[in-house]
């Protein structure tokens, strides 16, 4: 692939030596990429790469765009970019700070979203797997690529119907996360059809579009917590609260 077909932006300013990035073990993989544990400059890092064979321009450009975006963000609530390493476009590595406790199960990313929205940035793929924990650094958001696949964790009515992303999309996704924190279940994982079988994604998508389904909450869930989540899950994005309003409500009840 000719590098002339790619828009590198400020990538050269973020470049680090590929020889200094040491990859040790794979931590996770997705539809297009993998995340490895490794070291850079004697410190632990997470290294994002494209899957072998996934060298289409659109995928490489997505990684470049994510790196450039991370290079502009500076917040204790966002996973920090260490740098970008490559010898050719197809082996581009996004090197990030390492979060040692994995993804979220007990903490909420509300202040992280308030920061992003104040910077006019929409996360677009907010889910519990993209909220990482660290024993010393707390919780931080990660994964700012622009290529998205609808899943039960990220599907919203406006995405499914119009492929439309706004800050209200992140608020809806935050409501999903609140349901996970209450139930410790994958969204809609407890729902069954008339035959007693779990709902397939296409059925869930149809019900989300038609406003016929909401995530489950336990009987023990505080009323204010459930109500806040349901406000974020309102079908009409114009009627959802802002993340600033959500953060204020959580702070009022939890502090």
C-alpha atoms as a PDB file:
ATOM      1  CA  UNK A   1       0.000   0.000   0.000  1.00  0.00           C
ATOM      2  CA  UNK A   2       1.284   3.427  -0.917  1.00  0.00           C
ATOM      3  CA  UNK A   3       1.617   5.696   2.105  1.00  0.00           C
ATOM      4  CA  UNK A   4       0.427   8.526  -0.142  1.00  0.00           C
ATOM      5  CA  UNK A   5      -3.104   7.122   0.080  1.00  0.00           C
ATOM      6  CA  UNK A   6      -3.186   7.629   3.866  1.00  0.00           C
ATOM      7  CA  UNK A   7      -3.671  10.825   5.856  1.00  0.00           C
ATOM      8  CA  UNK A   8      -1.026  10.623   8.587  1.00  0.00           C
ATOM      9  CA  UNK A   9      -1.870  13.953  10.184  1.00  0.00           C
ATOM     10  CA  UNK A  10       0.544  14.592  13.068  1.00  0.00           C
ATOM     11  CA  UNK A  11       1.584  10.953  13.389  1.00  0.00           C
ATOM     12  CA  UNK A  12       5.289  11.707  12.887  1.00  0.00           C
ATOM     13  CA  UNK A  13       5.215  13.917  16.005  1.00  0.00           C
ATOM     14  CA  UNK A  14       3.973  10.930  18.019  1.00  0.00           C
ATOM     15  CA  UNK A  15       6.420   8.395  16.602  1.00  0.00           C
ATOM     16  CA  UNK A  16       8.577   6.223  18.838  1.00  0.00           C
ATOM     17  CA  UNK A  17      11.192   3.693  17.766  1.00  0.00           C
ATOM     18  CA  UNK A  18       9.621   0.374  16.806  1.00  0.00           C
ATOM     19  CA  UNK A  19      12.754  -1.451  17.975  1.00  0.00           C
ATOM     20  CA  UNK A  20      12.159  -0.179  21.516  1.00  0.00           C
ATOM     21  CA  UNK A  21       8.637  -1.651  21.720  1.00  0.00           C
ATOM     22  CA  UNK A  22       8.739  -5.205  23.094  1.00  0.00           C
ATOM     23  CA  UNK A  23       5.617  -7.352  22.685  1.00  0.00           C
ATOM     24  CA  UNK A  24       5.206 -10.287  25.071  1.00  0.00           C
ATOM     25  CA  UNK A  25       1.667 -11.727  25.239  1.00  0.00           C
ATOM     26  CA  UNK A  26      -1.760 -11.200  23.697  1.00  0.00           C
ATOM     27  CA  UNK A  27      -4.400  -9.798  26.065  1.00  0.00           C
ATOM     28  CA  UNK A  28      -7.443  -9.416  23.796  1.00  0.00           C
ATOM     29  CA  UNK A  29      -8.617  -9.483  20.196  1.00  0.00           C
ATOM     30  CA  UNK A  30     -11.536  -8.100  18.217  1.00  0.00           C
ATOM     31  CA  UNK A  31     -12.945  -8.058  14.712  1.00  0.00           C
ATOM     32  CA  UNK A  32     -10.047  -6.053  13.266  1.00  0.00           C
ATOM     33  CA  UNK A  33      -7.315  -5.796  15.888  1.00  0.00           C
ATOM     34  CA  UNK A  34      -5.420  -7.283  18.794  1.00  0.00           C
ATOM     35  CA  UNK A  35      -4.070  -5.892  22.065  1.00  0.00           C
ATOM     36  CA  UNK A  36      -0.784  -7.122  23.483  1.00  0.00           C
ATOM     37  CA  UNK A  37       1.021  -6.610  26.754  1.00  0.00           C
ATOM     38  CA  UNK A  38       4.567  -5.366  26.350  1.00  0.00           C
ATOM     39  CA  UNK A  39       7.230  -2.918  27.436  1.00  0.00           C
ATOM     40  CA  UNK A  40       8.553   0.412  26.252  1.00  0.00           C
ATOM     41  CA  UNK A  41      11.401   2.241  27.936  1.00  0.00           C
ATOM     42  CA  UNK A  42      11.309  -0.261  30.788  1.00  0.00           C
ATOM     43  CA  UNK A  43       7.627   0.374  31.565  1.00  0.00           C
ATOM     44  CA  UNK A  44       4.597  -1.865  30.956  1.00  0.00           C
ATOM     45  CA  UNK A  45       2.404  -0.821  28.025  1.00  0.00           C
ATOM     46  CA  UNK A  46      -0.580  -2.037  26.022  1.00  0.00           C
ATOM     47  CA  UNK A  47       0.026  -2.356  22.284  1.00  0.00           C
ATOM     48  CA  UNK A  48      -2.848  -2.210  19.770  1.00  0.00           C
ATOM     49  CA  UNK A  49      -2.287  -3.624  16.296  1.00  0.00           C
ATOM     50  CA  UNK A  50      -4.363  -4.686  13.322  1.00  0.00           C
ATOM     51  CA  UNK A  51      -4.962  -8.391  12.826  1.00  0.00           C
ATOM     52  CA  UNK A  52      -2.635 -10.038  10.347  1.00  0.00           C
ATOM     53  CA  UNK A  53      -4.123  -9.702   6.889  1.00  0.00           C
ATOM     54  CA  UNK A  54      -6.307  -6.724   7.819  1.00  0.00           C
ATOM     55  CA  UNK A  55      -4.385  -4.173   5.772  1.00  0.00           C
ATOM     56  CA  UNK A  56      -7.195  -2.340   4.010  1.00  0.00           C
ATOM     57  CA  UNK A  57      -6.726   1.403   3.845  1.00  0.00           C
ATOM     58  CA  UNK A  58      -9.859   2.108   5.904  1.00  0.00           C
ATOM     59  CA  UNK A  59      -8.623  -0.005   8.828  1.00  0.00           C
ATOM     60  CA  UNK A  60      -5.148   1.504   8.819  1.00  0.00           C
ATOM     61  CA  UNK A  61      -6.610   5.011   8.565  1.00  0.00           C
ATOM     62  CA  UNK A  62      -8.856   4.239  11.541  1.00  0.00           C
ATOM     63  CA  UNK A  63      -5.805   3.385  13.669  1.00  0.00           C
ATOM     64  CA  UNK A  64      -4.015   6.533  12.498  1.00  0.00           C
ATOM     65  CA  UNK A  65      -7.049   8.676  13.338  1.00  0.00           C
ATOM     66  CA  UNK A  66      -7.371   7.106  16.791  1.00  0.00           C
ATOM     67  CA  UNK A  67      -3.687   7.744  17.550  1.00  0.00           C
ATOM     68  CA  UNK A  68      -3.931  11.364  16.414  1.00  0.00           C
ATOM     69  CA  UNK A  69      -7.039  11.886  18.556  1.00  0.00           C
ATOM     70  CA  UNK A  70      -5.369  10.390  21.631  1.00  0.00           C
ATOM     71  CA  UNK A  71      -2.385  12.636  20.999  1.00  0.00           C
ATOM     72  CA  UNK A  72      -4.670  15.657  21.436  1.00  0.00           C
ATOM     73  CA  UNK A  73      -6.351  14.446  24.637  1.00  0.00           C
ATOM     74  CA  UNK A  74      -4.754  15.112  28.013  1.00  0.00           C
ATOM     75  CA  UNK A  75      -6.793  13.940  30.987  1.00  0.00           C
ATOM     76  CA  UNK A  76      -6.318  11.659  34.013  1.00  0.00           C
ATOM     77  CA  UNK A  77      -9.604  10.067  32.922  1.00  0.00           C
ATOM     78  CA  UNK A  78      -8.370   8.899  29.500  1.00  0.00           C
ATOM     79  CA  UNK A  79      -5.880   6.103  28.816  1.00  0.00           C
ATOM     80  CA  UNK A  80      -2.716   7.941  27.756  1.00  0.00           C
ATOM     81  CA  UNK A  81      -0.979   7.512  24.437  1.00  0.00           C
ATOM     82  CA  UNK A  82       2.686   6.568  24.772  1.00  0.00           C
ATOM     83  CA  UNK A  83       3.352   6.813  21.063  1.00  0.00           C
ATOM     84  CA  UNK A  84       3.043   5.233  17.625  1.00  0.00           C
ATOM     85  CA  UNK A  85       5.537   2.750  16.225  1.00  0.00           C
ATOM     86  CA  UNK A  86       5.819   1.352  12.720  1.00  0.00           C
ATOM     87  CA  UNK A  87       8.221   0.245  10.032  1.00  0.00           C
ATOM     88  CA  UNK A  88       5.449   0.233   7.403  1.00  0.00           C
ATOM     89  CA  UNK A  89       1.798   1.228   7.478  1.00  0.00           C
ATOM     90  CA  UNK A  90       0.517  -2.337   7.774  1.00  0.00           C
ATOM     91  CA  UNK A  91       2.327  -2.972  11.089  1.00  0.00           C
ATOM     92  CA  UNK A  92       1.367   0.275  12.804  1.00  0.00           C
ATOM     93  CA  UNK A  93       1.307  -0.039  16.604  1.00  0.00           C
ATOM     94  CA  UNK A  94      -0.660   2.197  18.979  1.00  0.00           C
ATOM     95  CA  UNK A  95       1.259   2.095  22.269  1.00  0.00           C
ATOM     96  CA  UNK A  96      -0.798   2.988  25.356  1.00  0.00           C
ATOM     97  CA  UNK A  97      -0.355   3.143  29.099  1.00  0.00           C
ATOM     98  CA  UNK A  98      -1.113  -0.198  30.764  1.00  0.00           C
ATOM     99  CA  UNK A  99      -4.060  -0.546  33.152  1.00  0.00           C
ATOM    100  CA  UNK A 100      -3.409  -3.479  35.454  1.00  0.00           C
ATOM    101  CA  UNK A 101      -6.940  -4.433  36.565  1.00  0.00           C
ATOM    102  CA  UNK A 102      -8.644  -4.938  33.208  1.00  0.00           C
ATOM    103  CA  UNK A 103     -12.100  -3.591  32.378  1.00  0.00           C
ATOM    104  CA  UNK A 104     -14.771  -2.067  34.572  1.00  0.00           C
ATOM    105  CA  UNK A 105     -17.042  -4.036  36.864  1.00  0.00           C
ATOM    106  CA  UNK A 106     -17.512  -1.766  39.880  1.00  0.00           C
ATOM    107  CA  UNK A 107     -16.757   1.849  38.901  1.00  0.00           C
ATOM    108  CA  UNK A 108     -18.468   4.294  36.558  1.00  0.00           C
ATOM    109  CA  UNK A 109     -16.792   6.416  33.843  1.00  0.00           C
ATOM    110  CA  UNK A 110     -18.977   9.498  34.268  1.00  0.00           C
ATOM    111  CA  UNK A 111     -16.221  12.133  34.682  1.00  0.00           C
ATOM    112  CA  UNK A 112     -14.384  10.658  31.728  1.00  0.00           C
ATOM    113  CA  UNK A 113     -17.394  11.258  29.482  1.00  0.00           C
ATOM    114  CA  UNK A 114     -17.938  14.771  30.808  1.00  0.00           C
ATOM    115  CA  UNK A 115     -14.332  15.540  29.779  1.00  0.00           C
ATOM    116  CA  UNK A 116     -14.733  14.014  26.309  1.00  0.00           C
ATOM    117  CA  UNK A 117     -17.975  15.850  25.612  1.00  0.00           C
ATOM    118  CA  UNK A 118     -16.418  19.122  26.766  1.00  0.00           C
ATOM    119  CA  UNK A 119     -13.727  18.510  24.112  1.00  0.00           C
ATOM    120  CA  UNK A 120     -16.450  17.938  21.469  1.00  0.00           C
ATOM    121  CA  UNK A 121     -15.467  14.270  21.245  1.00  0.00           C
ATOM    122  CA  UNK A 122     -18.030  11.450  21.045  1.00  0.00           C
ATOM    123  CA  UNK A 123     -16.688   8.102  22.232  1.00  0.00           C
ATOM    124  CA  UNK A 124     -19.025   6.111  19.917  1.00  0.00           C
ATOM    125  CA  UNK A 125     -18.178   2.710  21.443  1.00  0.00           C
ATOM    126  CA  UNK A 126     -18.765   3.115  25.159  1.00  0.00           C
ATOM    127  CA  UNK A 127     -19.135  -0.226  26.919  1.00  0.00           C
ATOM    128  CA  UNK A 128     -17.808  -1.872  30.047  1.00  0.00           C
ATOM    129  CA  UNK A 129     -14.916  -3.479  28.155  1.00  0.00           C
ATOM    130  CA  UNK A 130     -13.663  -0.031  27.166  1.00  0.00           C
ATOM    131  CA  UNK A 131     -13.550   1.308  30.733  1.00  0.00           C
ATOM    132  CA  UNK A 132     -10.268   0.103  32.216  1.00  0.00           C
ATOM    133  CA  UNK A 133      -9.182  -0.119  35.843  1.00  0.00           C
ATOM    134  CA  UNK A 134      -5.791   0.335  37.472  1.00  0.00           C
ATOM    135  CA  UNK A 135      -4.849  -0.256  41.118  1.00  0.00           C
ATOM    136  CA  UNK A 136      -3.135   3.140  41.341  1.00  0.00           C
ATOM    137  CA  UNK A 137      -4.613   5.235  38.508  1.00  0.00           C
ATOM    138  CA  UNK A 138      -8.315   4.444  38.942  1.00  0.00           C
ATOM    139  CA  UNK A 139     -10.622   4.193  35.905  1.00  0.00           C
ATOM    140  CA  UNK A 140      -9.945   5.464  32.393  1.00  0.00           C
ATOM    141  CA  UNK A 141     -11.639   5.271  28.989  1.00  0.00           C
ATOM    142  CA  UNK A 142      -9.996   3.633  26.000  1.00  0.00           C
ATOM    143  CA  UNK A 143     -10.695   2.654  22.367  1.00  0.00           C
ATOM    144  CA  UNK A 144     -11.370   5.768  20.293  1.00  0.00           C
ATOM    145  CA  UNK A 145     -11.327   4.219  16.818  1.00  0.00           C
ATOM    146  CA  UNK A 146     -14.072   5.206  14.397  1.00  0.00           C
ATOM    147  CA  UNK A 147     -14.942   1.799  12.915  1.00  0.00           C
ATOM    148  CA  UNK A 148     -17.831   0.328  14.880  1.00  0.00           C
ATOM    149  CA  UNK A 149     -19.991  -2.785  14.769  1.00  0.00           C
ATOM    150  CA  UNK A 150     -23.355  -2.713  16.538  1.00  0.00           C
ATOM    151  CA  UNK A 151     -23.460  -5.127  19.483  1.00  0.00           C
ATOM    152  CA  UNK A 152     -25.847  -5.630  22.378  1.00  0.00           C
ATOM    153  CA  UNK A 153     -23.583  -3.366  24.422  1.00  0.00           C
ATOM    154  CA  UNK A 154     -23.543  -0.432  22.008  1.00  0.00           C
ATOM    155  CA  UNK A 155     -26.749  -0.583  19.964  1.00  0.00           C
ATOM    156  CA  UNK A 156     -28.948   2.495  20.304  1.00  0.00           C
ATOM    157  CA  UNK A 157     -32.111   3.334  18.342  1.00  0.00           C
ATOM    158  CA  UNK A 158     -30.462   6.161  16.395  1.00  0.00           C
ATOM    159  CA  UNK A 159     -27.444   4.053  15.438  1.00  0.00           C
ATOM    160  CA  UNK A 160     -29.543   1.108  14.301  1.00  0.00           C
ATOM    161  CA  UNK A 161     -31.979   3.277  12.336  1.00  0.00           C
ATOM    162  CA  UNK A 162     -29.830   6.098  10.988  1.00  0.00           C
ATOM    163  CA  UNK A 163     -26.192   5.266  11.866  1.00  0.00           C
ATOM    164  CA  UNK A 164     -26.288   8.569  13.761  1.00  0.00           C
ATOM    165  CA  UNK A 165     -23.836   9.314  16.582  1.00  0.00           C
ATOM    166  CA  UNK A 166     -24.192  12.216  19.031  1.00  0.00           C
ATOM    167  CA  UNK A 167     -23.191  12.844  22.632  1.00  0.00           C
ATOM    168  CA  UNK A 168     -26.616  11.391  23.514  1.00  0.00           C
ATOM    169  CA  UNK A 169     -25.390   8.077  22.090  1.00  0.00           C
ATOM    170  CA  UNK A 170     -22.734   7.944  24.818  1.00  0.00           C
ATOM    171  CA  UNK A 171     -25.393   8.732  27.439  1.00  0.00           C
ATOM    172  CA  UNK A 172     -27.486   5.771  26.248  1.00  0.00           C
ATOM    173  CA  UNK A 173     -24.431   3.514  26.423  1.00  0.00           C
ATOM    174  CA  UNK A 174     -23.737   4.779  29.943  1.00  0.00           C
ATOM    175  CA  UNK A 175     -27.263   3.703  30.912  1.00  0.00           C
ATOM    176  CA  UNK A 176     -26.414   0.221  29.630  1.00  0.00           C
ATOM    177  CA  UNK A 177     -23.283   0.197  31.802  1.00  0.00           C
ATOM    178  CA  UNK A 178     -25.333   1.184  34.860  1.00  0.00           C
ATOM    179  CA  UNK A 179     -27.539  -1.862  34.256  1.00  0.00           C
ATOM    180  CA  UNK A 180     -24.426  -4.057  34.082  1.00  0.00           C
ATOM    181  CA  UNK A 181     -23.143  -2.635  37.355  1.00  0.00           C
ATOM    182  CA  UNK A 182     -26.455  -3.533  38.990  1.00  0.00           C
ATOM    183  CA  UNK A 183     -27.005  -7.009  37.534  1.00  0.00           C
ATOM    184  CA  UNK A 184     -23.453  -8.128  36.642  1.00  0.00           C
ATOM    185  CA  UNK A 185     -25.015  -9.483  33.438  1.00  0.00           C
ATOM    186  CA  UNK A 186     -24.448  -8.835  29.752  1.00  0.00           C
ATOM    187  CA  UNK A 187     -27.230  -6.496  28.548  1.00  0.00           C
ATOM    188  CA  UNK A 188     -30.380  -8.455  27.659  1.00  0.00           C
ATOM    189  CA  UNK A 189     -28.600 -11.718  28.517  1.00  0.00           C
ATOM    190  CA  UNK A 190     -31.493 -12.740  30.755  1.00  0.00           C
ATOM    191  CA  UNK A 191     -34.196 -12.217  28.117  1.00  0.00           C
ATOM    192  CA  UNK A 192     -35.763 -15.250  26.418  1.00  0.00           C
ATOM    193  CA  UNK A 193     -38.180 -15.789  23.533  1.00  0.00           C
ATOM    194  CA  UNK A 194     -41.436 -17.770  23.476  1.00  0.00           C
ATOM    195  CA  UNK A 195     -39.461 -20.997  23.113  1.00  0.00           C
ATOM    196  CA  UNK A 196     -37.410 -20.323  26.226  1.00  0.00           C
ATOM    197  CA  UNK A 197     -34.260 -19.512  24.239  1.00  0.00           C
ATOM    198  CA  UNK A 198     -32.010 -16.503  24.635  1.00  0.00           C
ATOM    199  CA  UNK A 199     -32.723 -13.625  22.269  1.00  0.00           C
ATOM    200  CA  UNK A 200     -30.488 -13.389  19.214  1.00  0.00           C
ATOM    201  CA  UNK A 201     -28.938 -10.012  18.388  1.00  0.00           C
ATOM    202  CA  UNK A 202     -31.210  -9.373  15.404  1.00  0.00           C
ATOM    203  CA  UNK A 203     -34.273  -9.790  17.630  1.00  0.00           C
ATOM    204  CA  UNK A 204     -32.815  -7.441  20.241  1.00  0.00           C
ATOM    205  CA  UNK A 205     -31.977  -4.865  17.559  1.00  0.00           C
ATOM    206  CA  UNK A 206     -35.544  -4.937  16.247  1.00  0.00           C
ATOM    207  CA  UNK A 207     -36.929  -4.484  19.768  1.00  0.00           C
ATOM    208  CA  UNK A 208     -34.533  -1.601  20.475  1.00  0.00           C
ATOM    209  CA  UNK A 209     -35.627   0.163  17.283  1.00  0.00           C
ATOM    210  CA  UNK A 210     -39.301  -0.298  18.214  1.00  0.00           C
ATOM    211  CA  UNK A 211     -38.706   0.792  21.841  1.00  0.00           C
ATOM    212  CA  UNK A 212     -39.894  -2.588  23.148  1.00  0.00           C
ATOM    213  CA  UNK A 213     -36.990  -3.573  25.395  1.00  0.00           C
ATOM    214  CA  UNK A 214     -34.888  -2.204  28.253  1.00  0.00           C
ATOM    215  CA  UNK A 215     -32.045  -3.804  30.224  1.00  0.00           C
ATOM    216  CA  UNK A 216     -33.053  -5.549  33.440  1.00  0.00           C
ATOM    217  CA  UNK A 217     -32.484  -4.135  36.930  1.00  0.00           C
ATOM    218  CA  UNK A 218     -32.530  -6.157  40.141  1.00  0.00           C
ATOM    219  CA  UNK A 219     -35.180  -5.656  42.860  1.00  0.00           C
ATOM    220  CA  UNK A 220     -32.362  -4.481  45.164  1.00  0.00           C
ATOM    221  CA  UNK A 221     -31.288  -1.686  42.806  1.00  0.00           C
ATOM    222  CA  UNK A 222     -31.783   1.764  44.394  1.00  0.00           C
ATOM    223  CA  UNK A 223     -34.717   3.562  42.776  1.00  0.00           C
ATOM    224  CA  UNK A 224     -32.665   6.683  41.993  1.00  0.00           C
ATOM    225  CA  UNK A 225     -29.974   4.548  40.290  1.00  0.00           C
ATOM    226  CA  UNK A 226     -32.499   2.704  38.127  1.00  0.00           C
ATOM    227  CA  UNK A 227     -34.329   5.923  37.256  1.00  0.00           C
ATOM    228  CA  UNK A 228     -31.064   7.590  36.215  1.00  0.00           C
ATOM    229  CA  UNK A 229     -30.186   4.662  33.959  1.00  0.00           C
ATOM    230  CA  UNK A 230     -33.660   4.644  32.407  1.00  0.00           C
ATOM    231  CA  UNK A 231     -33.442   8.388  31.721  1.00  0.00           C
ATOM    232  CA  UNK A 232     -30.302   7.689  29.704  1.00  0.00           C
ATOM    233  CA  UNK A 233     -32.069   4.860  27.873  1.00  0.00           C
ATOM    234  CA  UNK A 234     -34.945   7.011  26.617  1.00  0.00           C
ATOM    235  CA  UNK A 235     -35.658   6.172  22.961  1.00  0.00           C
ATOM    236  CA  UNK A 236     -35.565   9.819  21.809  1.00  0.00           C
ATOM    237  CA  UNK A 237     -31.956  11.086  22.104  1.00  0.00           C
ATOM    238  CA  UNK A 238     -33.195  14.670  22.512  1.00  0.00           C
ATOM    239  CA  UNK A 239     -34.870  13.711  25.805  1.00  0.00           C
ATOM    240  CA  UNK A 240     -31.822  12.095  27.407  1.00  0.00           C
ATOM    241  CA  UNK A 241     -29.881  14.009  30.076  1.00  0.00           C
ATOM    242  CA  UNK A 242     -26.399  15.341  29.356  1.00  0.00           C
ATOM    243  CA  UNK A 243     -23.382  13.634  30.903  1.00  0.00           C
ATOM    244  CA  UNK A 244     -22.924  16.709  33.085  1.00  0.00           C
ATOM    245  CA  UNK A 245     -26.422  16.158  34.486  1.00  0.00           C
ATOM    246  CA  UNK A 246     -25.787  12.432  34.930  1.00  0.00           C
ATOM    247  CA  UNK A 247     -22.503  13.119  36.713  1.00  0.00           C
ATOM    248  CA  UNK A 248     -24.191  15.633  39.035  1.00  0.00           C
ATOM    249  CA  UNK A 249     -26.875  13.110  40.002  1.00  0.00           C
ATOM    250  CA  UNK A 250     -24.324  10.380  40.715  1.00  0.00           C
ATOM    251  CA  UNK A 251     -22.152  12.740  42.734  1.00  0.00           C
ATOM    252  CA  UNK A 252     -25.159  13.900  44.773  1.00  0.00           C
ATOM    253  CA  UNK A 253     -26.158  10.352  45.721  1.00  0.00           C
ATOM    254  CA  UNK A 254     -22.725   8.752  46.105  1.00  0.00           C
ATOM    255  CA  UNK A 255     -20.798  11.473  47.945  1.00  0.00           C
END
